[in-house]
Amino acid sequence: MGISPHLARLRAMIGHALILLPSVAVIVVDEHGRLMLVRHAGHQEGWAVPGGGVDVGETPARAAVREIREETGIEISGLRLLDALGGADFEVTYPNGDQVAYVTTVYQADVAGGTPTPDQEEISELGWFTPAQLAGLDLNRFARALLQATGHLAQ
């Protein structure tokens, strides 16, 4: 979906300045124990954990389910809260210059249905990786910090 109407209004007032935003990330695990990672359309900075912003009036858990459905076409179940993360590793400057410091609620979930397909708007590619493959992947800074913090990737 891109930018929410709420965020668009804020950006109209503050421009590209750094803003603190709530977000979610979901470590989706398939029946073979592989983790789904994605590449973001428009800025190929390595593999990422799927997720996105929490909309006004939305719980983080509902945002997690919505974001995975919108970006990858799959339904998830067994949503489990893993952590809440923030700090320098979770600051992003987008290609248009927008600066964001995310406070990210991290979940893990199972695949419940659907066909994994990148939406091509926000996600250009998705892949499934075993925990052993993670160390050798080109992960973006955000994903590396998140996977390390949740114990999915050795430090």
C-alpha atoms as a PDB file:
ATOM      1  CA  MET A   1       0.000   0.000   0.000  1.00  0.00           C
ATOM      2  CA  GLY A   2       2.884   2.428   0.572  1.00  0.00           C
ATOM      3  CA  ILE A   3       2.355   5.411   2.838  1.00  0.00           C
ATOM      4  CA  SER A   4      -0.764   5.623   5.020  1.00  0.00           C
ATOM      5  CA  PRO A   5      -2.998   8.716   4.900  1.00  0.00           C
ATOM      6  CA  HIS A   6      -1.970   9.530   8.493  1.00  0.00           C
ATOM      7  CA  LEU A   7       1.725   9.418   7.649  1.00  0.00           C
ATOM      8  CA  ALA A   8       1.137  11.394   4.443  1.00  0.00           C
ATOM      9  CA  ARG A   9      -0.428  14.190   6.544  1.00  0.00           C
ATOM     10  CA  LEU A  10       2.548  14.163   8.925  1.00  0.00           C
ATOM     11  CA  ARG A  11       5.027  14.205   6.050  1.00  0.00           C
ATOM     12  CA  ALA A  12       3.208  17.194   4.544  1.00  0.00           C
ATOM     13  CA  MET A  13       3.947  19.080   7.768  1.00  0.00           C
ATOM     14  CA  ILE A  14       7.474  17.896   8.574  1.00  0.00           C
ATOM     15  CA  GLY A  15       8.933  16.978   5.203  1.00  0.00           C
ATOM     16  CA  HIS A  16      11.688  14.361   5.291  1.00  0.00           C
ATOM     17  CA  ALA A  17      12.648  14.951   8.967  1.00  0.00           C
ATOM     18  CA  LEU A  18      13.216  11.987  11.270  1.00  0.00           C
ATOM     19  CA  ILE A  19       9.992  10.625  12.743  1.00  0.00           C
ATOM     20  CA  LEU A  20       9.443   7.839  15.296  1.00  0.00           C
ATOM     21  CA  LEU A  21       6.925   5.262  14.048  1.00  0.00           C
ATOM     22  CA  PRO A  22       5.444   2.003  15.333  1.00  0.00           C
ATOM     23  CA  SER A  23       5.930  -0.989  13.064  1.00  0.00           C
ATOM     24  CA  VAL A  24       5.739  -4.762  12.991  1.00  0.00           C
ATOM     25  CA  ALA A  25       7.983  -7.465  11.589  1.00  0.00           C
ATOM     26  CA  VAL A  26       6.930 -11.083  11.187  1.00  0.00           C
ATOM     27  CA  ILE A  27       9.281 -14.037  11.073  1.00  0.00           C
ATOM     28  CA  VAL A  28       7.139 -16.386   8.985  1.00  0.00           C
ATOM     29  CA  VAL A  29       8.157 -20.037   9.262  1.00  0.00           C
ATOM     30  CA  ASP A  30       6.962 -22.715   6.833  1.00  0.00           C
ATOM     31  CA  GLU A  31       6.290 -26.413   7.482  1.00  0.00           C
ATOM     32  CA  HIS A  32       9.973 -27.189   6.720  1.00  0.00           C
ATOM     33  CA  GLY A  33      11.290 -24.741   9.334  1.00  0.00           C
ATOM     34  CA  ARG A  34      12.420 -22.218   6.713  1.00  0.00           C
ATOM     35  CA  LEU A  35      12.070 -18.470   7.261  1.00  0.00           C
ATOM     36  CA  MET A  36      10.525 -16.200   4.656  1.00  0.00           C
ATOM     37  CA  LEU A  37      12.575 -13.148   3.726  1.00  0.00           C
ATOM     38  CA  VAL A  38      11.746 -10.451   1.197  1.00  0.00           C
ATOM     39  CA  ARG A  39      13.413  -7.840  -0.964  1.00  0.00           C
ATOM     40  CA  HIS A  40      11.821  -4.405  -1.021  1.00  0.00           C
ATOM     41  CA  ALA A  41      10.888  -2.930  -4.379  1.00  0.00           C
ATOM     42  CA  GLY A  42      12.789   0.202  -5.312  1.00  0.00           C
ATOM     43  CA  HIS A  43      15.670  -0.169  -2.849  1.00  0.00           C
ATOM     44  CA  GLN A  44      17.570  -3.439  -2.993  1.00  0.00           C
ATOM     45  CA  GLU A  45      19.499  -3.280   0.267  1.00  0.00           C
ATOM     46  CA  GLY A  46      19.537  -7.012   0.910  1.00  0.00           C
ATOM     47  CA  TRP A  47      17.011  -9.455   2.274  1.00  0.00           C
ATOM     48  CA  ALA A  48      14.545  -8.220   4.898  1.00  0.00           C
ATOM     49  CA  VAL A  49      12.006  -9.596   7.348  1.00  0.00           C
ATOM     50  CA  PRO A  50       8.513  -8.755   6.069  1.00  0.00           C
ATOM     51  CA  GLY A  51       6.363  -6.263   7.938  1.00  0.00           C
ATOM     52  CA  GLY A  52       5.344  -2.639   7.940  1.00  0.00           C
ATOM     53  CA  GLY A  53       3.671   0.211   9.737  1.00  0.00           C
ATOM     54  CA  VAL A  54       0.930   0.041  12.331  1.00  0.00           C
ATOM     55  CA  ASP A  55      -2.040   2.140  11.227  1.00  0.00           C
ATOM     56  CA  VAL A  56      -3.922   4.493  13.552  1.00  0.00           C
ATOM     57  CA  GLY A  57      -6.442   2.462  15.582  1.00  0.00           C
ATOM     58  CA  GLU A  58      -4.831  -0.854  14.639  1.00  0.00           C
ATOM     59  CA  THR A  59      -3.201  -3.277  17.064  1.00  0.00           C
ATOM     60  CA  PRO A  60       0.306  -4.502  16.239  1.00  0.00           C
ATOM     61  CA  ALA A  61      -1.017  -8.070  15.916  1.00  0.00           C
ATOM     62  CA  ARG A  62      -3.639  -7.018  13.350  1.00  0.00           C
ATOM     63  CA  ALA A  63      -0.999  -4.994  11.505  1.00  0.00           C
ATOM     64  CA  ALA A  64       1.217  -8.092  11.346  1.00  0.00           C
ATOM     65  CA  VAL A  65      -1.537 -10.214   9.790  1.00  0.00           C
ATOM     66  CA  ARG A  66      -2.520  -7.424   7.353  1.00  0.00           C
ATOM     67  CA  GLU A  67       1.026  -6.633   6.240  1.00  0.00           C
ATOM     68  CA  ILE A  68       1.884 -10.269   5.510  1.00  0.00           C
ATOM     69  CA  ARG A  69      -1.347 -10.729   3.549  1.00  0.00           C
ATOM     70  CA  GLU A  70      -0.867  -7.488   1.566  1.00  0.00           C
ATOM     71  CA  GLU A  71       2.822  -7.958   0.791  1.00  0.00           C
ATOM     72  CA  THR A  72       3.069 -11.728   0.245  1.00  0.00           C
ATOM     73  CA  GLY A  73      -0.442 -13.084  -0.364  1.00  0.00           C
ATOM     74  CA  ILE A  74      -0.302 -15.581   2.488  1.00  0.00           C
ATOM     75  CA  GLU A  75      -2.362 -15.991   5.624  1.00  0.00           C
ATOM     76  CA  ILE A  76      -0.552 -16.581   8.902  1.00  0.00           C
ATOM     77  CA  SER A  77      -1.538 -18.301  12.140  1.00  0.00           C
ATOM     78  CA  GLY A  78      -0.021 -18.985  15.535  1.00  0.00           C
ATOM     79  CA  LEU A  79       1.175 -15.390  15.937  1.00  0.00           C
ATOM     80  CA  ARG A  80       3.671 -15.249  18.829  1.00  0.00           C
ATOM     81  CA  LEU A  81       5.170 -12.063  20.249  1.00  0.00           C
ATOM     82  CA  LEU A  82       8.981 -12.288  20.312  1.00  0.00           C
ATOM     83  CA  ASP A  83      10.314  -8.820  21.115  1.00  0.00           C
ATOM     84  CA  ALA A  84       9.996  -5.051  20.764  1.00  0.00           C
ATOM     85  CA  LEU A  85      13.050  -3.437  19.198  1.00  0.00           C
ATOM     86  CA  GLY A  86      14.328   0.030  18.403  1.00  0.00           C
ATOM     87  CA  GLY A  87      17.514   2.055  18.260  1.00  0.00           C
ATOM     88  CA  ALA A  88      20.064   2.975  15.611  1.00  0.00           C
ATOM     89  CA  ASP A  89      19.776  -0.325  13.704  1.00  0.00           C
ATOM     90  CA  PHE A  90      16.088   0.393  13.138  1.00  0.00           C
ATOM     91  CA  GLU A  91      16.532   3.847  11.606  1.00  0.00           C
ATOM     92  CA  VAL A  92      15.946   4.021   7.859  1.00  0.00           C
ATOM     93  CA  THR A  93      16.369   6.719   5.236  1.00  0.00           C
ATOM     94  CA  TYR A  94      14.221   5.925   2.214  1.00  0.00           C
ATOM     95  CA  PRO A  95      15.264   6.736  -1.368  1.00  0.00           C
ATOM     96  CA  ASN A  96      12.932   9.777  -1.361  1.00  0.00           C
ATOM     97  CA  GLY A  97      14.772  11.165   1.718  1.00  0.00           C
ATOM     98  CA  ASP A  98      12.148  10.309   4.362  1.00  0.00           C
ATOM     99  CA  GLN A  99      13.837   9.431   7.656  1.00  0.00           C
ATOM    100  CA  VAL A 100      12.180   7.007  10.078  1.00  0.00           C
ATOM    101  CA  ALA A 101      13.155   5.557  13.451  1.00  0.00           C
ATOM    102  CA  TYR A 102      11.039   2.451  13.912  1.00  0.00           C
ATOM    103  CA  VAL A 103       9.969   0.843  17.162  1.00  0.00           C
ATOM    104  CA  THR A 104       9.233  -2.636  15.897  1.00  0.00           C
ATOM    105  CA  THR A 105       7.028  -5.271  17.488  1.00  0.00           C
ATOM    106  CA  VAL A 106       8.427  -8.603  16.316  1.00  0.00           C
ATOM    107  CA  TYR A 107       6.262 -11.688  15.889  1.00  0.00           C
ATOM    108  CA  GLN A 108       6.782 -15.222  14.672  1.00  0.00           C
ATOM    109  CA  ALA A 109       4.014 -17.005  12.777  1.00  0.00           C
ATOM    110  CA  ASP A 110       3.236 -20.091  10.744  1.00  0.00           C
ATOM    111  CA  VAL A 111       1.880 -20.247   7.204  1.00  0.00           C
ATOM    112  CA  ALA A 112      -1.867 -20.962   7.303  1.00  0.00           C
ATOM    113  CA  GLY A 113      -2.675 -20.674   3.596  1.00  0.00           C
ATOM    114  CA  GLY A 114      -2.299 -18.811   0.358  1.00  0.00           C
ATOM    115  CA  THR A 115       0.362 -18.781  -2.310  1.00  0.00           C
ATOM    116  CA  PRO A 116       3.501 -16.787  -1.465  1.00  0.00           C
ATOM    117  CA  THR A 117       3.691 -14.068  -4.112  1.00  0.00           C
ATOM    118  CA  PRO A 118       5.437 -10.697  -3.813  1.00  0.00           C
ATOM    119  CA  ASP A 119       2.979  -7.828  -4.297  1.00  0.00           C
ATOM    120  CA  GLN A 120       5.446  -6.052  -6.667  1.00  0.00           C
ATOM    121  CA  GLU A 121       4.454  -2.716  -5.101  1.00  0.00           C
ATOM    122  CA  GLU A 122       6.378  -2.981  -1.851  1.00  0.00           C
ATOM    123  CA  ILE A 123       7.964  -6.416  -2.258  1.00  0.00           C
ATOM    124  CA  SER A 124       9.812  -7.446  -5.431  1.00  0.00           C
ATOM    125  CA  GLU A 125      11.011 -10.886  -4.366  1.00  0.00           C
ATOM    126  CA  LEU A 126      10.569 -13.403  -1.575  1.00  0.00           C
ATOM    127  CA  GLY A 127      12.465 -16.507  -0.614  1.00  0.00           C
ATOM    128  CA  TRP A 128      12.571 -19.256   1.999  1.00  0.00           C
ATOM    129  CA  PHE A 129      15.783 -19.891   3.917  1.00  0.00           C
ATOM    130  CA  THR A 130      16.871 -22.434   6.499  1.00  0.00           C
ATOM    131  CA  PRO A 131      18.324 -21.059   9.731  1.00  0.00           C
ATOM    132  CA  ALA A 132      21.751 -22.340   8.596  1.00  0.00           C
ATOM    133  CA  GLN A 133      21.534 -20.255   5.387  1.00  0.00           C
ATOM    134  CA  LEU A 134      20.890 -16.959   7.186  1.00  0.00           C
ATOM    135  CA  ALA A 135      24.530 -16.286   8.118  1.00  0.00           C
ATOM    136  CA  GLY A 136      25.626 -16.279   4.463  1.00  0.00           C
ATOM    137  CA  LEU A 137      22.824 -14.092   3.156  1.00  0.00           C
ATOM    138  CA  ASP A 138      22.994 -10.461   2.113  1.00  0.00           C
ATOM    139  CA  LEU A 139      20.709  -9.174   4.890  1.00  0.00           C
ATOM    140  CA  ASN A 140      19.906  -5.507   5.319  1.00  0.00           C
ATOM    141  CA  ARG A 141      21.021  -3.884   8.590  1.00  0.00           C
ATOM    142  CA  PHE A 142      17.474  -3.870  10.017  1.00  0.00           C
ATOM    143  CA  ALA A 143      16.954  -7.606   9.299  1.00  0.00           C
ATOM    144  CA  ARG A 144      20.377  -8.601  10.641  1.00  0.00           C
ATOM    145  CA  ALA A 145      19.772  -6.751  13.925  1.00  0.00           C
ATOM    146  CA  LEU A 146      16.241  -8.166  14.241  1.00  0.00           C
ATOM    147  CA  LEU A 147      17.278 -11.773  13.540  1.00  0.00           C
ATOM    148  CA  GLN A 148      20.181 -11.493  15.977  1.00  0.00           C
ATOM    149  CA  ALA A 149      18.016  -9.960  18.715  1.00  0.00           C
ATOM    150  CA  THR A 150      15.446 -12.754  18.388  1.00  0.00           C
ATOM    151  CA  GLY A 151      18.035 -15.558  18.378  1.00  0.00           C
ATOM    152  CA  HIS A 152      17.488 -16.582  14.745  1.00  0.00           C
ATOM    153  CA  LEU A 153      20.974 -15.480  13.693  1.00  0.00           C
ATOM    154  CA  ALA A 154      24.225 -15.813  15.661  1.00  0.00           C
ATOM    155  CA  GLN A 155      25.977 -12.545  16.470  1.00  0.00           C
END
